[in-house]
Amino acid sequence: MNELTIQLLIPFAAFLSFIVVFLSIPTILRVAKMKNLFDEPNKRTVHRVKIPTLGGMAIFIGFIFTYSLFVDWFEFPHIPFLTASLVVIFAIGIKDDILATAPMVKLGGQILAALIIVGLGQVVLTDFHGFFGIQPNPFWGTVFTIFTIIFLVNGFNLIDGIDGLAAITGIITLLSFSIWFFINGEYHIPVLSAALIGGLLAFAYYNIFSKRQKIFMGDTGSLVLGFLVSVVAIRFSELNTTAHRPLLEYQMNSAPAVAMAILIVPFIDTVRVFFLRVAQGNSPFTADKNHIHHRMLALGFTHLQVSLIIGAVNIAFVILGYSLRNLGMLKLTILIFVFGMTVAYIPSWVLYYKKRHLIRRLKQIKNKGKMFIF
């Protein structure tokens, strides 16, 4: 298959995935309603009515069907291991969406999936790009890769708290990585991304805009999305190592830091929430409403407004990361992290000062009332 044909197949892969997911969701909704498979509102959720949570099933079906048709299985030997690990992720996600799964069981499934793609598929980080002069040996490179996968899988699971956020973040992230791969003539990742982006777009229609056929992606969708994005990020970092860099048309001297900029939303939100939970004496896995999107909802923004604002911030960080790709690994990492944390805390600071202002106004009204009585 020549290069031009592959390039033309990329948008067609997105279109086919979109059609498969778009046509699958109404059927999944009917089954969910027949079997009473809903996400019940509670004190941790932001929705007030029962919503089906099996959107991830449609995304998985659309992706695996399209990806299997369009990718060259003989050119990429790690594909069978990617498929096998993805099935494990899908299994623990669908079980949690239907029956609920203990956190340690979910973690065990994620570790198993990571072991398959890292140990057998050889999707592993072998270079830290000069970060503090550290160079991992095979063992620690494997351990760090598994940790990275689990971190990103749970990062996308954590940001899936309002309509559209996980889908929009996933689309921006995949497009940001795919543009670089496409420019450098690496078409496997753009095909993979297209197969996933098409499904996310179809899901987003039902999740954001549909009132009668609303659906959530659930753990199935967020875990599958996080897992595939983590694989793409690792490939991005590995193809920018010193050994591969001379062969590239568009080089990245600080690829992991650029990847962190692209993944800023799940990265910063996860670090921030885990830190807050531990600081409060709670388990880092305890669910709460301390996420950035919860703070923005408290400020009066709608779900769509929050998702679009966070998406715009994500794009700004992508541009920043690409623009400063040659700044140096350590400098760019520190810059992205500090800037990301600062931006992440803006909603909390605004909310804090609004509450202080409200309390001050209430005290003033109370004091005026006392003066009037006397």
Protein backbone atom coordinates (compact mmCIF):
# COMPACT_ATOMS: atom_id res chain seq x y z
CA MET A 1 0.00 0.00 0.00
CA ASN A 2 1.57 3.29 -1.12
CA GLU A 3 1.93 6.39 1.01
CA LEU A 4 -0.82 8.40 -0.70
CA THR A 5 -3.34 5.57 -0.24
CA ILE A 6 -2.54 5.35 3.47
CA GLN A 7 -2.95 9.12 3.86
CA LEU A 8 -6.36 8.96 2.18
CA LEU A 9 -7.44 6.06 4.39
CA ILE A 10 -6.85 8.02 7.62
CA PRO A 11 -9.93 10.29 7.32
CA PHE A 12 -11.95 7.35 5.98
CA ALA A 13 -11.02 5.35 9.11
CA ALA A 14 -12.38 8.19 11.27
CA PHE A 15 -15.56 8.30 9.18
CA LEU A 16 -16.16 4.55 9.40
CA SER A 17 -15.56 4.53 13.16
CA PHE A 18 -17.98 7.45 13.51
CA ILE A 19 -20.69 5.56 11.62
CA VAL A 20 -20.20 2.35 13.62
CA VAL A 21 -20.42 4.14 16.97
CA PHE A 22 -23.24 6.45 15.88
CA LEU A 23 -25.36 3.47 14.81
CA SER A 24 -24.38 1.31 17.80
CA ILE A 25 -25.34 3.68 20.61
CA PRO A 26 -29.15 3.64 20.06
CA THR A 27 -29.10 -0.18 20.28
CA ILE A 28 -26.92 -0.08 23.41
CA LEU A 29 -29.32 2.46 24.94
CA ARG A 30 -32.30 0.14 24.34
CA VAL A 31 -30.46 -2.76 26.00
CA ALA A 32 -29.43 -0.54 28.92
CA LYS A 33 -33.03 0.53 29.48
CA MET A 34 -34.35 -3.04 29.22
CA LYS A 35 -31.78 -4.32 31.73
CA ASN A 36 -31.89 -1.18 33.91
CA LEU A 37 -28.18 -0.48 33.44
CA PHE A 38 -27.97 3.13 34.63
CA ASP A 39 -25.64 5.33 36.61
CA GLU A 40 -27.73 6.35 39.63
CA PRO A 41 -27.31 9.95 40.88
CA ASN A 42 -25.57 10.32 44.23
CA LYS A 43 -23.68 12.94 46.22
CA ARG A 44 -20.52 12.45 44.12
CA THR A 45 -22.17 12.78 40.71
CA VAL A 46 -23.16 15.99 38.94
CA HIS A 47 -26.15 14.55 37.04
CA ARG A 48 -29.62 14.43 38.58
CA VAL A 49 -31.27 11.68 36.49
CA LYS A 50 -30.40 8.08 35.65
CA ILE A 51 -28.07 7.85 32.63
CA PRO A 52 -26.80 4.69 30.87
CA THR A 53 -23.01 4.27 31.16
CA LEU A 54 -22.26 1.88 28.30
CA GLY A 55 -21.01 4.43 25.76
CA GLY A 56 -17.53 2.98 26.12
CA MET A 57 -18.77 -0.29 24.64
CA ALA A 58 -19.69 1.50 21.41
CA ILE A 59 -16.35 3.33 21.36
CA PHE A 60 -14.47 0.05 21.82
CA ILE A 61 -16.47 -1.71 19.09
CA GLY A 62 -15.99 1.17 16.66
CA PHE A 63 -12.27 1.35 17.37
CA ILE A 64 -11.44 -2.36 17.25
CA PHE A 65 -13.49 -2.91 14.07
CA THR A 66 -11.99 0.05 12.19
CA TYR A 67 -8.44 -0.42 13.47
CA SER A 68 -8.46 -4.12 12.50
CA LEU A 69 -9.53 -3.26 8.95
CA PHE A 70 -7.16 -0.37 8.27
CA VAL A 71 -3.90 -1.26 9.99
CA ASP A 72 -1.15 -3.40 8.46
CA TRP A 73 -0.81 -6.33 10.86
CA PHE A 74 2.40 -7.61 9.25
CA GLU A 75 4.25 -4.29 9.42
CA PHE A 76 3.59 -3.76 13.14
CA PRO A 77 4.30 -6.97 15.12
CA HIS A 78 3.15 -5.54 18.46
CA ILE A 79 -0.47 -5.16 17.26
CA PRO A 80 -1.69 -8.56 18.58
CA PHE A 81 -0.39 -7.63 22.03
CA LEU A 82 -2.08 -4.23 21.85
CA THR A 83 -5.35 -5.93 20.99
CA ALA A 84 -4.98 -8.49 23.79
CA SER A 85 -4.17 -5.84 26.42
CA LEU A 86 -7.05 -3.69 25.17
CA VAL A 87 -9.45 -6.60 25.65
CA VAL A 88 -8.31 -6.86 29.29
CA ILE A 89 -8.94 -3.13 29.77
CA PHE A 90 -12.35 -3.45 28.12
CA ALA A 91 -13.25 -6.41 30.35
CA ILE A 92 -12.52 -4.65 33.65
CA GLY A 93 -14.23 -1.50 32.40
CA ILE A 94 -17.46 -3.19 31.30
CA LYS A 95 -17.61 -5.22 34.51
CA ASP A 96 -17.30 -2.04 36.57
CA ASP A 97 -19.98 -0.28 34.52
CA ILE A 98 -22.44 -3.15 35.00
CA LEU A 99 -21.64 -4.71 38.37
CA ALA A 100 -19.06 -2.41 40.02
CA THR A 101 -15.51 -3.63 40.60
CA ALA A 102 -13.27 -3.31 43.64
CA PRO A 103 -10.49 -0.73 43.10
CA MET A 104 -7.73 -3.31 43.62
CA VAL A 105 -9.29 -5.63 41.04
CA LYS A 106 -9.38 -2.76 38.54
CA LEU A 107 -5.76 -1.95 39.35
CA GLY A 108 -4.80 -5.60 38.90
CA GLY A 109 -6.43 -5.65 35.47
CA GLN A 110 -4.61 -2.48 34.46
CA ILE A 111 -1.27 -3.95 35.57
CA LEU A 112 -1.98 -7.13 33.57
CA ALA A 113 -2.82 -5.12 30.44
CA ALA A 114 0.34 -3.02 30.91
CA LEU A 115 2.47 -6.14 31.35
CA ILE A 116 1.14 -7.56 28.08
CA ILE A 117 1.83 -4.48 25.97
CA VAL A 118 5.15 -3.68 27.68
CA GLY A 119 6.56 -7.16 28.29
CA LEU A 120 5.32 -8.91 25.14
CA GLY A 121 4.58 -6.00 22.81
CA GLN A 122 7.87 -4.22 23.68
CA VAL A 123 6.16 -0.82 23.93
CA VAL A 124 8.60 0.43 26.54
CA LEU A 125 10.45 3.62 27.48
CA THR A 126 14.19 3.19 26.99
CA ASP A 127 15.35 6.81 27.25
CA PHE A 128 14.58 9.70 29.62
CA HIS A 129 16.01 12.24 27.14
CA GLY A 130 18.63 13.56 29.53
CA PHE A 131 16.26 14.24 32.44
CA PHE A 132 18.67 14.86 35.39
CA GLY A 133 21.17 12.77 33.45
CA ILE A 134 19.22 9.60 34.29
CA GLN A 135 19.26 6.72 31.82
CA PRO A 136 17.03 3.73 32.73
CA ASN A 137 18.18 0.14 32.50
CA PRO A 138 15.72 -2.40 30.98
CA PHE A 139 14.19 -3.26 34.37
CA TRP A 140 13.52 0.30 35.55
CA GLY A 141 12.48 1.34 32.05
CA THR A 142 9.84 -1.40 32.13
CA VAL A 143 8.67 -0.43 35.63
CA PHE A 144 8.41 3.25 34.73
CA THR A 145 6.51 2.44 31.52
CA ILE A 146 3.97 0.34 33.43
CA PHE A 147 3.56 3.15 35.96
CA THR A 148 3.07 5.68 33.13
CA ILE A 149 0.35 3.55 31.53
CA ILE A 150 -1.52 3.05 34.81
CA PHE A 151 -1.19 6.76 35.67
CA LEU A 152 -2.65 7.90 32.33
CA VAL A 153 -5.39 5.26 32.33
CA ASN A 154 -6.57 6.49 35.73
CA GLY A 155 -6.00 10.11 34.72
CA PHE A 156 -8.56 9.86 31.92
CA ASN A 157 -10.88 7.95 34.23
CA LEU A 158 -10.70 10.81 36.75
CA ILE A 159 -11.47 13.61 34.28
CA ASP A 160 -14.54 11.77 32.99
CA GLY A 161 -16.80 13.60 35.41
CA ILE A 162 -18.81 15.95 33.21
CA ASP A 163 -20.31 15.85 29.73
CA GLY A 164 -17.77 15.98 26.92
CA LEU A 165 -14.57 16.56 28.89
CA ALA A 166 -12.92 13.15 28.42
CA ALA A 167 -13.97 12.97 24.76
CA ILE A 168 -12.78 16.50 23.92
CA THR A 169 -9.51 15.98 25.79
CA GLY A 170 -8.97 12.66 24.03
CA ILE A 171 -9.58 14.17 20.60
CA ILE A 172 -7.20 17.09 21.22
CA THR A 173 -4.54 14.77 22.64
CA LEU A 174 -4.71 12.24 19.81
CA LEU A 175 -4.71 14.95 17.13
CA SER A 176 -1.70 16.64 18.74
CA PHE A 177 0.35 13.44 18.69
CA SER A 178 -0.90 12.33 15.27
CA ILE A 179 0.13 15.56 13.53
CA TRP A 180 3.73 14.93 14.52
CA PHE A 181 3.62 11.27 13.41
CA PHE A 182 2.00 12.25 10.10
CA ILE A 183 4.61 14.92 9.33
CA ASN A 184 7.36 12.36 9.91
CA GLY A 185 5.77 9.73 7.67
CA GLU A 186 4.73 7.43 10.53
CA TYR A 187 1.14 6.54 9.63
CA HIS A 188 0.33 3.75 12.10
CA ILE A 189 -0.49 6.11 14.98
CA PRO A 190 -2.60 8.47 12.81
CA VAL A 191 -4.66 5.46 11.66
CA LEU A 192 -5.07 4.29 15.27
CA SER A 193 -5.99 7.81 16.37
CA ALA A 194 -8.47 8.26 13.52
CA ALA A 195 -10.22 5.02 14.46
CA LEU A 196 -10.61 6.33 18.00
CA ILE A 197 -11.35 9.98 17.20
CA GLY A 198 -14.23 9.06 14.89
CA GLY A 199 -15.84 7.05 17.67
CA LEU A 200 -15.30 9.84 20.20
CA LEU A 201 -16.98 12.36 17.91
CA ALA A 202 -20.03 10.12 17.50
CA PHE A 203 -20.16 9.49 21.25
CA ALA A 204 -19.82 13.23 21.96
CA TYR A 205 -22.99 13.91 19.97
CA TYR A 206 -25.05 11.68 22.25
CA ASN A 207 -23.20 12.65 25.42
CA ILE A 208 -23.28 16.43 24.95
CA PHE A 209 -26.16 17.34 22.67
CA SER A 210 -28.75 14.57 22.81
CA LYS A 211 -31.44 14.87 25.50
CA ARG A 212 -33.49 11.74 24.84
CA GLN A 213 -30.53 9.48 24.01
CA LYS A 214 -27.92 10.75 26.45
CA ILE A 215 -25.20 8.30 27.43
CA PHE A 216 -21.94 8.30 29.43
CA MET A 217 -18.74 6.56 28.28
CA GLY A 218 -18.36 4.96 31.70
CA ASP A 219 -15.20 3.27 32.92
CA THR A 220 -15.10 1.20 29.74
CA GLY A 221 -14.65 4.26 27.57
CA SER A 222 -12.33 6.25 29.82
CA LEU A 223 -10.05 3.27 30.52
CA VAL A 224 -9.84 2.30 26.84
CA LEU A 225 -9.16 5.93 25.89
CA GLY A 226 -6.50 6.37 28.57
CA PHE A 227 -4.79 3.11 27.66
CA LEU A 228 -4.57 3.90 23.94
CA VAL A 229 -3.37 7.46 24.59
CA SER A 230 -0.65 6.13 26.90
CA VAL A 231 0.59 3.78 24.15
CA VAL A 232 0.65 6.68 21.67
CA ALA A 233 2.56 8.88 24.14
CA ILE A 234 5.16 6.17 24.75
CA ARG A 235 5.68 5.67 21.00
CA PHE A 236 6.02 9.45 20.63
CA SER A 237 8.76 9.53 23.25
CA GLU A 238 10.59 6.50 21.87
CA LEU A 239 10.67 7.69 18.25
CA ASN A 240 12.33 10.90 19.47
CA THR A 241 15.28 9.18 21.14
CA THR A 242 18.81 10.00 20.02
CA ALA A 243 19.02 6.89 17.84
CA HIS A 244 15.87 7.74 15.85
CA ARG A 245 16.10 11.54 15.85
CA PRO A 246 18.42 11.98 12.79
CA LEU A 247 15.85 10.14 10.65
CA LEU A 248 13.04 12.52 11.59
CA GLU A 249 11.92 15.53 9.58
CA TYR A 250 10.48 17.27 12.66
CA GLN A 251 12.63 16.52 15.71
CA MET A 252 11.74 16.77 19.38
CA ASN A 253 14.67 17.22 21.75
CA SER A 254 12.42 17.19 24.83
CA ALA A 255 9.74 14.72 23.72
CA PRO A 256 8.55 13.55 27.19
CA ALA A 257 8.08 17.17 28.30
CA VAL A 258 6.14 17.92 25.10
CA ALA A 259 4.04 14.81 25.78
CA MET A 260 3.33 16.15 29.27
CA ALA A 261 2.15 19.43 27.72
CA ILE A 262 -0.17 17.52 25.37
CA LEU A 263 -1.47 15.44 28.30
CA ILE A 264 -1.66 18.39 30.68
CA VAL A 265 -5.36 17.94 31.57
CA PRO A 266 -5.28 14.37 32.95
CA PHE A 267 -1.71 14.81 34.25
CA ILE A 268 -2.24 17.96 36.32
CA ASP A 269 -5.72 17.05 37.52
CA THR A 270 -4.55 13.64 38.75
CA VAL A 271 -1.46 15.01 40.53
CA ARG A 272 -3.48 17.83 42.10
CA VAL A 273 -6.35 15.64 43.32
CA PHE A 274 -4.07 12.92 44.69
CA PHE A 275 -2.04 15.56 46.57
CA LEU A 276 -5.18 17.11 48.07
CA ARG A 277 -6.55 13.75 49.17
CA VAL A 278 -3.31 12.69 50.85
CA ALA A 279 -2.94 16.14 52.49
CA GLN A 280 -6.44 15.73 53.94
CA GLY A 281 -5.55 12.30 55.35
CA ASN A 282 -7.64 10.39 52.79
CA SER A 283 -6.76 7.62 50.40
CA PRO A 284 -5.65 8.98 46.99
CA PHE A 285 -8.28 6.69 45.45
CA THR A 286 -11.17 8.14 47.47
CA ALA A 287 -13.72 9.77 45.15
CA ASP A 288 -14.52 13.44 45.80
CA LYS A 289 -15.47 16.70 44.09
CA ASN A 290 -12.07 18.38 44.14
CA HIS A 291 -11.43 18.08 40.41
CA ILE A 292 -10.86 21.17 38.30
CA HIS A 293 -14.13 20.64 36.42
CA HIS A 294 -16.05 20.49 39.73
CA ARG A 295 -14.57 23.84 40.75
CA MET A 296 -15.57 25.38 37.44
CA LEU A 297 -19.11 24.02 37.74
CA ALA A 298 -19.30 25.65 41.19
CA LEU A 299 -18.41 28.96 39.52
CA GLY A 300 -21.58 28.69 37.43
CA PHE A 301 -20.27 27.35 34.12
CA THR A 302 -22.25 24.70 32.23
CA HIS A 303 -20.81 21.27 31.39
CA LEU A 304 -20.16 22.26 27.78
CA GLN A 305 -18.58 25.58 28.76
CA VAL A 306 -16.23 23.84 31.21
CA SER A 307 -15.24 21.22 28.63
CA LEU A 308 -14.59 23.85 25.94
CA ILE A 309 -12.59 26.10 28.29
CA ILE A 310 -10.42 23.20 29.48
CA GLY A 311 -10.05 22.08 25.86
CA ALA A 312 -8.87 25.57 24.87
CA VAL A 313 -6.33 25.53 27.72
CA ASN A 314 -5.19 22.10 26.53
CA ILE A 315 -4.60 23.46 23.01
CA ALA A 316 -2.64 26.39 24.46
CA PHE A 317 -0.34 23.97 26.29
CA VAL A 318 0.11 21.90 23.12
CA ILE A 319 1.22 25.02 21.26
CA LEU A 320 3.53 25.94 24.15
CA GLY A 321 5.07 22.46 24.22
CA TYR A 322 5.68 22.34 20.48
CA SER A 323 7.06 25.90 20.41
CA LEU A 324 9.56 25.24 23.23
CA ARG A 325 10.45 21.67 22.21
CA ASN A 326 14.18 22.53 22.10
CA LEU A 327 14.29 24.39 25.43
CA GLY A 328 15.71 21.36 27.23
CA MET A 329 14.07 18.43 28.95
CA LEU A 330 14.44 19.64 32.55
CA LYS A 331 13.60 23.29 31.88
CA LEU A 332 10.53 22.49 29.78
CA THR A 333 9.27 19.90 32.29
CA ILE A 334 9.51 22.39 35.18
CA LEU A 335 7.90 25.15 33.09
CA ILE A 336 4.97 22.98 31.99
CA PHE A 337 4.43 21.59 35.50
CA VAL A 338 4.54 24.95 37.30
CA PHE A 339 2.42 26.71 34.69
CA GLY A 340 -0.03 23.79 34.63
CA MET A 341 -0.45 23.79 38.41
CA THR A 342 -0.92 27.56 38.44
CA VAL A 343 -3.66 27.42 35.81
CA ALA A 344 -5.29 24.43 37.54
CA TYR A 345 -5.68 26.35 40.81
CA ILE A 346 -7.25 29.46 39.24
CA PRO A 347 -10.85 28.14 39.59
CA SER A 348 -10.22 27.28 43.27
CA TRP A 349 -8.77 30.74 43.96
CA VAL A 350 -11.66 32.49 42.21
CA LEU A 351 -14.15 30.34 44.13
CA TYR A 352 -12.39 31.12 47.41
CA TYR A 353 -12.46 34.89 46.86
CA LYS A 354 -16.09 34.78 45.72
CA LYS A 355 -17.03 33.00 48.96
CA ARG A 356 -15.06 35.54 51.02
CA HIS A 357 -16.80 38.38 49.22
CA LEU A 358 -20.20 36.76 49.83
CA ILE A 359 -19.46 36.28 53.55
CA ARG A 360 -18.33 39.91 53.83
CA ARG A 361 -21.52 41.12 52.13
CA LEU A 362 -23.69 38.97 54.42
CA LYS A 363 -21.92 40.41 57.48
CA GLN A 364 -22.47 43.93 56.19
CA ILE A 365 -26.18 43.25 55.65
CA LYS A 366 -26.42 41.73 59.13
CA ASN A 367 -24.72 44.75 60.72
CA LYS A 368 -27.01 47.16 58.84
CA GLY A 369 -29.98 45.17 60.10
CA LYS A 370 -28.82 45.55 63.69
CA MET A 371 -28.32 49.29 63.26
CA PHE A 372 -31.84 49.61 61.81
CA ILE A 373 -33.37 47.73 64.79
CA PHE A 374 -31.67 50.01 67.30
